[in-house]
């Protein structure tokens, strides 16, 4: 009788997030599974909004754990760590964590005298993607390690400055509210202009002049946006509103780099209908989303509102904005009028474009326990992990060929839905279900499904039925999306059809198709 060469003897793919085999306890006391250092850092990194408290872990404790893991792996596994940090700032959309991680990477390697792997300079440059970020990284470094800035930090910042500094970024980000102004950074890192940008030398000199000699600094004629901005700043206050209402006012504001944030201060008066309608054409998609209530309160016209709606729901704009889906859910919940409901729902759908259309039968389990609802602030506009879990779980179920959508906590219930139904409508059917009993939810709802997907923080309590995923046959893949990055997981991962992903980025959904094609899934930044 054949013992090994059977129809079930197909190779089981491995996923990158792996457990060590060591047993820990979850924060609720359930049996947990320790992850290796790379897996722990990855899950923490993609879910860690720096200084943010969670239900079980203070922001300080999470930040300390994050920094310790980065420092250890920067020395022991620099190629992997550098890849993580670059991906984290790019496709992962995690800005602050990547900046902190780069600083800790450099500090650890300098302390250890490590020279192998990607250079410190290269890693610093890779995480600086917005013009205000060189100052953010320097501010973190000096607050953590003092005013002596090492050469690799300076050189990486100088490389980024040459990429990122231009006239409009100077106007937007070089403000008195910053501890490190553009001129301070240029002095500190001694950045030379990019030889392929002949205008950059004059820009750098003007940044230095306006920092150290603001009363006499004159914008160079080679940069007309700076000249136009200076002319508007020089207008008497009583003449400024006429610029807004005059024909071509919107074009003049845009040509001078006047942002919506700066317009109210320049007018020294309220942002009324005319002011908003003049600046809306030059606003980005997410700036528009954040100001929908302001537009309605000012009474912007239906014609202008239609242009706003078209922009915020445009698929390319949604992709370019690099925002998490819950940003659109928050906007939808707090939008003051119905005219924004449909475009925001479309935007939410576009932000979930990477959700796979899974064949066969799928069980989707969405954690609605108390820890998922916890928020650091009492601001009702702040969304929770429960909101994020419901969004992703619903999207998975809607896209799947045949899915059962279940919410679970102390108890569990099916969430009904119809194909093609609104994601936002389905979200209204989710509730708060108390504690965390993943095991019982699996026991009650698993019915020979082809796969199981669980969206959770993994912190389940002890249960007489055993490990949370142990009742699912070994040949059935289980995919866990961990939304908090705690140390202990609810089940093993990395082999045997047990796979864990992390964070709120829907880019991770692509891994499912790779795994089910029997292709070992690599880390997202690896080809």
Protein backbone atom coordinates (compact mmCIF):
# COMPACT_ATOMS: atom_id res chain seq x y z
CA UNK A 1 0.00 0.00 0.00
CA UNK A 2 1.33 3.41 -0.90
CA UNK A 3 2.18 5.40 2.21
CA UNK A 4 3.62 8.62 0.80
CA UNK A 5 3.00 8.86 -2.96
CA UNK A 6 -0.72 9.58 -2.75
CA UNK A 7 -3.02 12.25 -4.23
CA UNK A 8 -2.73 14.21 -0.97
CA UNK A 9 1.06 14.22 -1.12
CA UNK A 10 1.43 17.58 -2.81
CA UNK A 11 4.09 19.95 -1.54
CA UNK A 12 2.76 22.34 1.07
CA UNK A 13 4.07 25.84 0.49
CA UNK A 14 5.76 27.78 3.25
CA UNK A 15 5.01 31.37 4.18
CA UNK A 16 7.62 33.83 5.48
CA UNK A 17 6.02 34.54 8.87
CA UNK A 18 7.07 31.55 10.94
CA UNK A 19 6.83 30.31 14.52
CA UNK A 20 9.71 28.76 16.44
CA UNK A 21 7.82 25.88 18.03
CA UNK A 22 8.14 27.44 21.48
CA UNK A 23 4.90 27.88 23.43
CA UNK A 24 4.01 31.23 25.01
CA UNK A 25 0.85 32.65 26.50
CA UNK A 26 -1.31 35.25 24.81
CA UNK A 27 -2.19 38.38 26.78
CA UNK A 28 -5.48 36.64 27.63
CA UNK A 29 -3.67 33.54 28.92
CA UNK A 30 -4.39 31.27 25.98
CA UNK A 31 -1.77 28.99 24.46
CA UNK A 32 0.36 31.10 22.16
CA UNK A 33 3.08 30.41 19.64
CA UNK A 34 6.35 32.35 19.60
CA UNK A 35 7.40 33.83 16.28
CA UNK A 36 10.98 34.13 15.13
CA UNK A 37 12.55 37.60 15.30
CA UNK A 38 11.99 38.50 11.65
CA UNK A 39 8.33 37.48 11.78
CA UNK A 40 7.75 39.34 15.05
CA UNK A 41 9.33 42.51 13.66
CA UNK A 42 7.43 42.33 10.38
CA UNK A 43 4.03 41.96 12.06
CA UNK A 44 4.83 44.68 14.58
CA UNK A 45 6.19 47.04 11.93
CA UNK A 46 3.16 46.88 9.64
CA UNK A 47 0.76 47.47 12.53
CA UNK A 48 2.74 49.88 14.71
CA UNK A 49 1.70 53.53 14.65
CA UNK A 50 4.59 54.87 16.73
CA UNK A 51 3.70 55.96 20.32
CA UNK A 52 0.21 54.44 19.90
CA UNK A 53 -1.12 52.47 22.85
CA UNK A 54 -2.99 49.23 22.24
CA UNK A 55 -5.36 47.30 24.47
CA UNK A 56 -2.66 45.03 25.88
CA UNK A 57 0.54 46.99 25.33
CA UNK A 58 1.56 50.60 25.97
CA UNK A 59 2.92 52.71 23.13
CA UNK A 60 6.27 52.93 24.95
CA UNK A 61 6.52 49.15 25.33
CA UNK A 62 5.67 48.60 21.66
CA UNK A 63 8.19 51.22 20.53
CA UNK A 64 10.89 49.69 22.73
CA UNK A 65 10.14 46.21 21.35
CA UNK A 66 10.22 47.57 17.78
CA UNK A 67 13.54 49.37 18.31
CA UNK A 68 15.12 46.32 19.98
CA UNK A 69 14.12 44.01 17.14
CA UNK A 70 15.41 46.44 14.49
CA UNK A 71 18.72 46.86 16.29
CA UNK A 72 19.24 43.12 16.68
CA UNK A 73 18.35 42.29 13.07
CA UNK A 74 20.26 45.24 11.61
CA UNK A 75 23.42 43.51 12.82
CA UNK A 76 22.46 39.86 12.38
CA UNK A 77 20.46 40.15 9.14
CA UNK A 78 21.11 43.54 7.51
CA UNK A 79 19.89 42.66 3.99
CA UNK A 80 16.49 41.53 5.26
CA UNK A 81 16.15 44.49 7.64
CA UNK A 82 17.08 47.06 5.00
CA UNK A 83 14.56 45.50 2.63
CA UNK A 84 11.85 45.68 5.28
CA UNK A 85 12.48 49.36 6.02
CA UNK A 86 12.45 50.41 2.37
CA UNK A 87 9.27 48.44 1.69
CA UNK A 88 7.67 49.73 4.87
CA UNK A 89 7.97 53.34 3.71
CA UNK A 90 6.98 52.55 0.12
CA UNK A 91 4.38 49.87 -0.51
CA UNK A 92 3.74 49.38 3.21
CA UNK A 93 2.71 53.05 3.62
CA UNK A 94 4.14 53.19 7.17
CA UNK A 95 5.92 56.51 7.43
CA UNK A 96 6.95 57.03 11.05
CA UNK A 97 7.88 53.42 11.77
CA UNK A 98 10.22 53.35 8.76
CA UNK A 99 11.97 56.58 9.84
CA UNK A 100 12.45 55.32 13.39
CA UNK A 101 13.59 51.96 12.04
CA UNK A 102 16.22 53.55 9.78
CA UNK A 103 17.65 55.58 12.65
CA UNK A 104 17.82 52.50 14.88
CA UNK A 105 19.38 50.48 12.03
CA UNK A 106 22.21 53.01 11.73
CA UNK A 107 22.74 53.33 15.47
CA UNK A 108 22.96 49.57 16.00
CA UNK A 109 25.39 49.01 13.15
CA UNK A 110 27.65 51.88 14.17
CA UNK A 111 27.69 50.60 17.75
CA UNK A 112 28.54 47.08 16.60
CA UNK A 113 31.04 48.23 13.97
CA UNK A 114 29.11 46.26 11.33
CA UNK A 115 30.00 46.96 7.70
CA UNK A 116 28.37 44.10 5.77
CA UNK A 117 25.06 44.44 3.99
CA UNK A 118 23.36 47.59 2.66
CA UNK A 119 25.08 50.78 3.73
CA UNK A 120 23.68 52.98 6.46
CA UNK A 121 23.55 55.86 4.00
CA UNK A 122 21.52 53.81 1.52
CA UNK A 123 18.97 52.77 4.17
CA UNK A 124 18.46 56.35 5.36
CA UNK A 125 17.91 57.57 1.81
CA UNK A 126 15.44 54.76 1.07
CA UNK A 127 12.95 55.76 3.79
CA UNK A 128 12.89 59.51 3.03
CA UNK A 129 10.10 59.97 0.49
CA UNK A 130 8.51 63.31 1.41
CA UNK A 131 10.23 66.71 1.74
CA UNK A 132 9.49 67.05 5.46
CA UNK A 133 10.95 63.65 6.33
CA UNK A 134 14.66 64.61 6.45
CA UNK A 135 13.76 66.95 9.30
CA UNK A 136 11.62 64.27 10.96
CA UNK A 137 14.48 61.76 10.91
CA UNK A 138 16.99 64.28 12.24
CA UNK A 139 14.59 65.31 15.01
CA UNK A 140 14.18 61.66 16.05
CA UNK A 141 17.92 61.03 15.99
CA UNK A 142 18.82 64.06 18.10
CA UNK A 143 16.04 63.41 20.61
CA UNK A 144 17.16 59.79 21.01
CA UNK A 145 20.94 60.03 20.63
CA UNK A 146 22.01 63.66 21.01
CA UNK A 147 23.09 66.42 18.65
CA UNK A 148 26.13 64.59 17.24
CA UNK A 149 24.82 63.30 13.91
CA UNK A 150 27.02 60.60 12.30
CA UNK A 151 28.17 60.86 8.70
CA UNK A 152 25.97 58.05 7.32
CA UNK A 153 22.86 59.88 8.55
CA UNK A 154 24.09 63.16 7.07
CA UNK A 155 24.96 61.59 3.73
CA UNK A 156 21.67 59.70 3.46
CA UNK A 157 19.74 62.87 4.29
CA UNK A 158 21.80 64.84 1.74
CA UNK A 159 20.94 62.28 -0.95
CA UNK A 160 17.24 62.62 -0.12
CA UNK A 161 17.36 66.42 -0.04
CA UNK A 162 18.63 66.50 -3.61
CA UNK A 163 15.66 64.34 -4.64
CA UNK A 164 12.98 66.05 -2.61
CA UNK A 165 13.64 69.76 -2.28
CA UNK A 166 11.93 72.01 -4.83
CA UNK A 167 10.18 75.37 -4.73
CA UNK A 168 6.68 74.16 -3.75
CA UNK A 169 8.02 71.80 -1.09
CA UNK A 170 9.88 74.77 0.41
CA UNK A 171 6.66 76.77 0.61
CA UNK A 172 4.65 73.89 2.07
CA UNK A 173 7.06 72.37 4.56
CA UNK A 174 9.65 75.02 5.48
CA UNK A 175 7.59 76.69 8.19
CA UNK A 176 8.32 78.28 11.55
CA UNK A 177 6.55 75.37 13.32
CA UNK A 178 9.40 73.01 12.41
CA UNK A 179 12.40 72.49 14.67
CA UNK A 180 14.56 71.72 11.64
CA UNK A 181 13.99 74.20 8.84
CA UNK A 182 15.27 73.49 5.31
CA UNK A 183 18.18 75.87 5.92
CA UNK A 184 19.12 74.08 9.15
CA UNK A 185 19.18 70.74 7.36
CA UNK A 186 21.25 72.07 4.47
CA UNK A 187 23.78 73.51 6.94
CA UNK A 188 23.95 70.29 8.92
CA UNK A 189 24.35 67.80 6.08
CA UNK A 190 26.23 70.06 3.62
CA UNK A 191 24.03 68.95 0.73
CA UNK A 192 25.33 70.02 -2.67
CA UNK A 193 22.76 70.74 -5.40
CA UNK A 194 21.94 68.04 -7.92
CA UNK A 195 24.00 68.86 -11.06
CA UNK A 196 21.02 67.82 -13.20
CA UNK A 197 18.85 70.49 -11.54
CA UNK A 198 20.47 73.83 -12.36
CA UNK A 199 17.83 75.72 -10.38
CA UNK A 200 18.54 73.82 -7.17
CA UNK A 201 21.62 75.84 -6.20
CA UNK A 202 19.60 79.04 -6.06
CA UNK A 203 16.80 77.24 -4.20
CA UNK A 204 19.23 76.01 -1.54
CA UNK A 205 20.71 79.49 -1.14
CA UNK A 206 17.25 81.01 -0.76
CA UNK A 207 16.35 78.38 1.86
CA UNK A 208 19.46 79.38 3.81
CA UNK A 209 18.74 83.10 3.42
CA UNK A 210 15.12 82.88 4.54
CA UNK A 211 16.19 80.87 7.60
CA UNK A 212 19.03 83.12 8.68
CA UNK A 213 18.16 86.50 7.08
CA UNK A 214 14.39 86.43 6.55
CA UNK A 215 14.04 90.22 6.27
CA UNK A 216 16.40 90.49 3.31
CA UNK A 217 15.94 87.12 1.60
CA UNK A 218 14.93 87.55 -2.06
CA UNK A 219 13.55 84.61 -4.07
CA UNK A 220 15.51 83.86 -7.25
CA UNK A 221 13.94 84.88 -10.56
CA UNK A 222 14.62 81.38 -11.88
CA UNK A 223 11.89 80.03 -9.60
CA UNK A 224 8.71 81.93 -10.53
CA UNK A 225 6.53 80.16 -7.96
CA UNK A 226 8.62 81.73 -5.20
CA UNK A 227 8.40 85.15 -6.80
CA UNK A 228 4.62 84.82 -7.20
CA UNK A 229 4.31 83.71 -3.59
CA UNK A 230 6.30 86.69 -2.35
CA UNK A 231 4.09 89.06 -4.34
CA UNK A 232 0.95 87.65 -2.75
CA UNK A 233 2.49 87.81 0.72
CA UNK A 234 3.29 91.48 0.15
CA UNK A 235 -0.31 92.45 -0.65
CA UNK A 236 -2.12 94.43 2.07
CA UNK A 237 -4.57 92.24 3.98
CA UNK A 238 -7.57 94.27 2.82
CA UNK A 239 -6.74 93.51 -0.85
CA UNK A 240 -6.26 89.76 -0.53
CA UNK A 241 -9.84 88.54 -0.67
CA UNK A 242 -10.28 90.33 -4.00
CA UNK A 243 -7.58 88.03 -5.42
CA UNK A 244 -9.67 85.01 -4.46
CA UNK A 245 -12.85 86.30 -6.10
CA UNK A 246 -11.25 87.79 -9.21
CA UNK A 247 -11.27 85.90 -12.55
CA UNK A 248 -8.24 83.63 -12.60
CA UNK A 249 -7.92 83.79 -8.80
CA UNK A 250 -7.65 80.02 -8.43
CA UNK A 251 -4.88 79.89 -11.04
CA UNK A 252 -2.99 82.70 -9.33
CA UNK A 253 -3.14 80.96 -5.94
CA UNK A 254 -1.94 77.70 -7.48
CA UNK A 255 0.91 79.43 -9.33
CA UNK A 256 2.08 80.89 -6.03
CA UNK A 257 1.98 77.56 -4.22
CA UNK A 258 -0.74 78.69 -1.79
CA UNK A 259 -2.10 75.56 -0.11
CA UNK A 260 -5.46 75.25 1.61
CA UNK A 261 -3.63 75.11 4.95
CA UNK A 262 -1.98 78.46 4.25
CA UNK A 263 -4.92 80.25 2.65
CA UNK A 264 -6.87 81.05 5.82
CA UNK A 265 -3.77 82.55 7.43
CA UNK A 266 -3.03 84.61 4.34
CA UNK A 267 -6.60 85.91 4.16
CA UNK A 268 -6.65 86.48 7.92
CA UNK A 269 -10.33 85.70 7.78
CA UNK A 270 -12.77 82.83 7.38
CA UNK A 271 -12.59 80.18 4.69
CA UNK A 272 -15.87 81.01 3.02
CA UNK A 273 -17.41 79.59 -0.18
CA UNK A 274 -15.24 81.70 -2.48
CA UNK A 275 -12.03 80.81 -0.67
CA UNK A 276 -12.70 77.07 -0.79
CA UNK A 277 -13.79 77.14 -4.43
CA UNK A 278 -10.58 78.97 -5.34
CA UNK A 279 -8.26 76.49 -3.66
CA UNK A 280 -10.13 73.22 -4.29
CA UNK A 281 -8.72 72.79 -7.85
CA UNK A 282 -5.16 72.55 -6.47
CA UNK A 283 -5.97 70.26 -3.53
CA UNK A 284 -4.95 66.61 -3.47
CA UNK A 285 -7.48 63.80 -3.12
CA UNK A 286 -6.90 63.12 0.58
CA UNK A 287 -6.94 66.82 1.43
CA UNK A 288 -10.35 66.94 -0.23
CA UNK A 289 -11.54 63.93 1.77
CA UNK A 290 -10.46 65.55 5.03
CA UNK A 291 -12.36 68.75 4.26
CA UNK A 292 -15.76 67.51 3.08
CA UNK A 293 -17.47 68.89 6.18
CA UNK A 294 -15.80 72.27 5.64
CA UNK A 295 -17.03 72.36 2.04
CA UNK A 296 -20.62 71.77 3.11
CA UNK A 297 -20.47 74.30 5.93
CA UNK A 298 -19.13 76.92 3.51
CA UNK A 299 -21.81 76.03 0.95
CA UNK A 300 -19.65 75.18 -2.06
CA UNK A 301 -21.69 74.85 -5.23
CA UNK A 302 -22.99 71.57 -6.60
CA UNK A 303 -20.76 72.02 -9.65
CA UNK A 304 -17.62 72.26 -7.52
CA UNK A 305 -18.82 69.42 -5.29
CA UNK A 306 -19.23 67.24 -8.37
CA UNK A 307 -15.59 67.86 -9.31
CA UNK A 308 -14.53 66.99 -5.76
CA UNK A 309 -16.58 63.78 -5.88
CA UNK A 310 -15.04 62.77 -9.21
CA UNK A 311 -11.51 63.30 -7.93
CA UNK A 312 -11.83 61.48 -4.61
CA UNK A 313 -13.45 58.47 -6.30
CA UNK A 314 -11.04 58.26 -9.22
CA UNK A 315 -9.18 54.90 -9.06
CA UNK A 316 -5.82 56.42 -10.00
CA UNK A 317 -6.19 59.13 -7.36
CA UNK A 318 -7.03 56.52 -4.73
CA UNK A 319 -3.95 54.46 -5.59
CA UNK A 320 -1.75 57.57 -5.65
CA UNK A 321 -2.99 58.71 -2.24
CA UNK A 322 -1.66 55.49 -0.66
CA UNK A 323 -4.26 55.60 2.08
CA UNK A 324 -5.58 52.70 4.09
CA UNK A 325 -9.23 51.74 3.47
CA UNK A 326 -10.35 52.78 6.93
CA UNK A 327 -9.57 56.43 6.03
CA UNK A 328 -12.47 56.34 3.62
CA UNK A 329 -14.69 54.61 6.16
CA UNK A 330 -13.95 57.38 8.70
CA UNK A 331 -14.75 60.04 6.10
CA UNK A 332 -17.98 58.30 5.17
CA UNK A 333 -19.11 58.05 8.79
CA UNK A 334 -18.54 61.73 9.42
CA UNK A 335 -19.46 63.23 6.06
CA UNK A 336 -22.21 65.78 6.69
CA UNK A 337 -24.24 65.27 3.52
CA UNK A 338 -25.35 62.42 1.28
CA UNK A 339 -23.61 63.86 -1.79
CA UNK A 340 -20.31 62.39 -0.53
CA UNK A 341 -21.62 58.92 0.31
CA UNK A 342 -21.33 57.29 -3.11
CA UNK A 343 -17.90 58.70 -4.09
CA UNK A 344 -16.48 57.67 -0.69
CA UNK A 345 -17.93 54.20 -1.10
CA UNK A 346 -16.35 53.98 -4.55
CA UNK A 347 -13.00 55.12 -3.10
CA UNK A 348 -13.20 52.48 -0.39
CA UNK A 349 -13.80 49.86 -3.05
CA UNK A 350 -10.82 51.05 -5.11
CA UNK A 351 -8.58 50.93 -2.01
CA UNK A 352 -9.36 47.20 -1.72
CA UNK A 353 -8.40 46.43 -5.32
CA UNK A 354 -5.85 43.79 -4.32
CA UNK A 355 -8.37 41.56 -2.53
CA UNK A 356 -8.24 38.18 -4.30
CA UNK A 357 -11.25 36.47 -5.89
CA UNK A 358 -10.90 33.14 -4.12
CA UNK A 359 -12.39 29.98 -5.69
CA UNK A 360 -14.20 27.23 -3.83
CA UNK A 361 -15.66 27.63 -0.33
CA UNK A 362 -14.14 30.11 2.09
CA UNK A 363 -14.78 30.72 5.79
CA UNK A 364 -13.98 34.30 6.88
CA UNK A 365 -13.80 34.90 10.64
CA UNK A 366 -13.75 38.53 11.85
CA UNK A 367 -12.67 39.27 15.43
CA UNK A 368 -15.15 41.55 17.24
CA UNK A 369 -13.81 41.12 20.78
CA UNK A 370 -13.35 43.97 23.22
CA UNK A 371 -9.62 44.43 22.59
CA UNK A 372 -10.35 45.11 18.92
CA UNK A 373 -12.57 48.07 19.84
CA UNK A 374 -10.13 49.77 22.17
CA UNK A 375 -8.95 53.24 21.07
CA UNK A 376 -6.24 55.43 22.57
CA UNK A 377 -8.42 58.53 22.46
CA UNK A 378 -12.11 59.00 23.11
CA UNK A 379 -12.58 60.78 19.81
CA UNK A 380 -15.50 59.04 18.12
CA UNK A 381 -13.96 59.73 14.72
CA UNK A 382 -11.05 57.39 15.49
CA UNK A 383 -11.62 54.01 13.92
CA UNK A 384 -10.65 50.79 15.65
CA UNK A 385 -9.06 47.49 14.69
CA UNK A 386 -12.60 46.07 14.77
CA UNK A 387 -13.52 48.48 11.97
CA UNK A 388 -10.47 47.48 9.94
CA UNK A 389 -11.12 43.77 10.49
CA UNK A 390 -14.73 44.15 9.36
CA UNK A 391 -13.70 46.03 6.21
CA UNK A 392 -11.16 43.44 5.14
CA UNK A 393 -13.28 40.45 6.12
CA UNK A 394 -16.28 41.79 4.24
CA UNK A 395 -14.21 42.54 1.15
CA UNK A 396 -12.77 39.02 1.19
CA UNK A 397 -16.21 37.49 1.48
CA UNK A 398 -17.71 39.62 -1.29
CA UNK A 399 -14.91 38.76 -3.70
CA UNK A 400 -14.87 35.02 -2.94
CA UNK A 401 -16.82 32.56 -5.10
CA UNK A 402 -18.65 31.11 -2.09
CA UNK A 403 -18.02 32.49 1.38
CA UNK A 404 -19.41 32.32 4.91
CA UNK A 405 -18.74 35.57 6.80
CA UNK A 406 -18.69 35.19 10.60
CA UNK A 407 -18.13 37.67 13.42
CA UNK A 408 -16.81 36.23 16.68
CA UNK A 409 -15.98 37.16 20.25
CA UNK A 410 -17.31 35.30 23.28
CA UNK A 411 -20.02 34.11 20.89
CA UNK A 412 -20.13 34.00 17.11
CA UNK A 413 -22.71 34.70 14.41
CA UNK A 414 -22.95 34.63 10.64
CA UNK A 415 -23.08 38.01 8.92
CA UNK A 416 -25.47 37.87 5.99
CA UNK A 417 -24.65 39.56 2.69
CA UNK A 418 -25.53 39.45 -1.00
CA UNK A 419 -23.14 39.47 -3.92
CA UNK A 420 -22.57 43.01 -5.13
CA UNK A 421 -23.92 44.51 -1.92
CA UNK A 422 -22.35 47.65 -0.50
CA UNK A 423 -19.40 47.06 1.84
CA UNK A 424 -20.62 49.92 4.02
CA UNK A 425 -24.11 48.44 4.30
CA UNK A 426 -22.73 45.08 5.42
CA UNK A 427 -20.55 46.77 8.06
CA UNK A 428 -23.71 47.92 9.84
CA UNK A 429 -24.48 44.26 10.71
CA UNK A 430 -21.35 43.77 12.82
CA UNK A 431 -21.53 44.09 16.61
CA UNK A 432 -19.40 44.03 19.79
CA UNK A 433 -19.15 40.42 20.97
CA UNK A 434 -17.16 40.63 24.20
CA UNK A 435 -14.22 38.28 24.78
CA UNK A 436 -12.17 36.25 22.29
CA UNK A 437 -13.06 32.61 21.63
CA UNK A 438 -11.51 31.86 18.27
CA UNK A 439 -11.54 28.14 18.96
CA UNK A 440 -15.29 27.98 19.48
CA UNK A 441 -15.91 30.08 16.36
CA UNK A 442 -13.89 27.60 14.30
CA UNK A 443 -15.69 24.65 15.92
CA UNK A 444 -19.14 26.09 15.25
CA UNK A 445 -18.65 27.38 11.71
CA UNK A 446 -15.99 25.28 9.96
CA UNK A 447 -17.84 22.92 7.59
CA UNK A 448 -15.29 21.40 5.21
CA UNK A 449 -14.40 24.78 3.70
CA UNK A 450 -11.51 24.91 1.25
CA UNK A 451 -9.75 27.59 3.31
CA UNK A 452 -10.19 29.65 6.47
CA UNK A 453 -9.27 33.32 6.81
CA UNK A 454 -9.14 34.94 10.25
CA UNK A 455 -8.81 38.72 10.79
CA UNK A 456 -7.84 39.27 14.44
CA UNK A 457 -5.34 40.48 17.04
CA UNK A 458 -4.81 36.76 17.97
CA UNK A 459 -5.20 37.36 21.72
CA UNK A 460 -7.61 34.57 22.59
CA UNK A 461 -8.37 33.22 26.07
CA UNK A 462 -7.89 29.61 27.28
CA UNK A 463 -10.51 27.27 25.88
CA UNK A 464 -11.39 23.68 26.66
CA UNK A 465 -11.40 22.89 22.95
CA UNK A 466 -7.63 23.51 22.56
CA UNK A 467 -5.66 25.57 20.04
CA UNK A 468 -7.75 27.94 17.94
CA UNK A 469 -6.90 26.38 14.57
CA UNK A 470 -6.24 22.78 15.65
CA UNK A 471 -9.70 21.57 14.55
CA UNK A 472 -9.07 22.54 10.94
CA UNK A 473 -7.55 19.62 8.96
CA UNK A 474 -3.88 20.01 8.08
CA UNK A 475 -4.55 19.99 4.34
CA UNK A 476 -6.86 23.05 4.62
CA UNK A 477 -4.95 26.35 4.49
CA UNK A 478 -5.54 28.84 7.31
CA UNK A 479 -4.64 32.49 6.70
CA UNK A 480 -4.45 34.84 9.66
CA UNK A 481 -4.30 38.62 9.29
CA UNK A 482 -2.79 39.97 12.50
CA UNK A 483 -3.82 43.60 13.06
CA UNK A 484 -1.77 44.45 16.17
CA UNK A 485 1.57 42.62 15.99
CA UNK A 486 1.67 41.18 19.52
CA UNK A 487 4.45 38.76 20.30
CA UNK A 488 2.39 35.57 20.66
CA UNK A 489 0.15 34.20 17.91
CA UNK A 490 -2.92 31.98 18.21
CA UNK A 491 -1.43 29.19 16.14
CA UNK A 492 1.72 27.99 14.38
CA UNK A 493 2.75 29.66 11.13
CA UNK A 494 5.23 29.23 8.33
CA UNK A 495 4.55 25.66 7.22
CA UNK A 496 1.86 23.01 7.21
CA UNK A 497 -0.72 25.23 5.51
CA UNK A 498 -0.70 27.76 8.35
CA UNK A 499 0.10 31.30 7.27
CA UNK A 500 0.14 34.67 9.05
CA UNK A 501 0.17 38.12 7.49
CA UNK A 502 0.18 41.48 9.19
CA UNK A 503 -1.10 45.00 9.20
CA UNK A 504 -3.70 46.91 7.27
CA UNK A 505 -2.04 46.99 3.87
CA UNK A 506 -4.07 45.06 1.33
CA UNK A 507 -0.86 44.30 -0.60
CA UNK A 508 -0.56 41.23 1.63
CA UNK A 509 -3.65 39.72 -0.02
CA UNK A 510 -1.56 38.89 -3.08
CA UNK A 511 0.25 36.22 -1.06
CA UNK A 512 -2.84 34.00 -0.94
CA UNK A 513 -2.78 33.34 -4.67
CA UNK A 514 0.93 32.51 -4.54
CA UNK A 515 0.51 30.10 -1.66
CA UNK A 516 -2.45 28.32 -3.23
CA UNK A 517 -0.47 27.89 -6.43
CA UNK A 518 1.98 25.89 -4.28
CA UNK A 519 4.56 28.65 -4.58
CA UNK A 520 6.44 29.52 -1.42
CA UNK A 521 5.54 33.09 -0.53
CA UNK A 522 8.48 35.42 -0.02
CA UNK A 523 8.61 38.64 1.93
CA UNK A 524 6.78 41.40 0.01
CA UNK A 525 10.02 43.17 -1.02
CA UNK A 526 11.66 40.02 -2.36
CA UNK A 527 11.25 38.92 -5.99
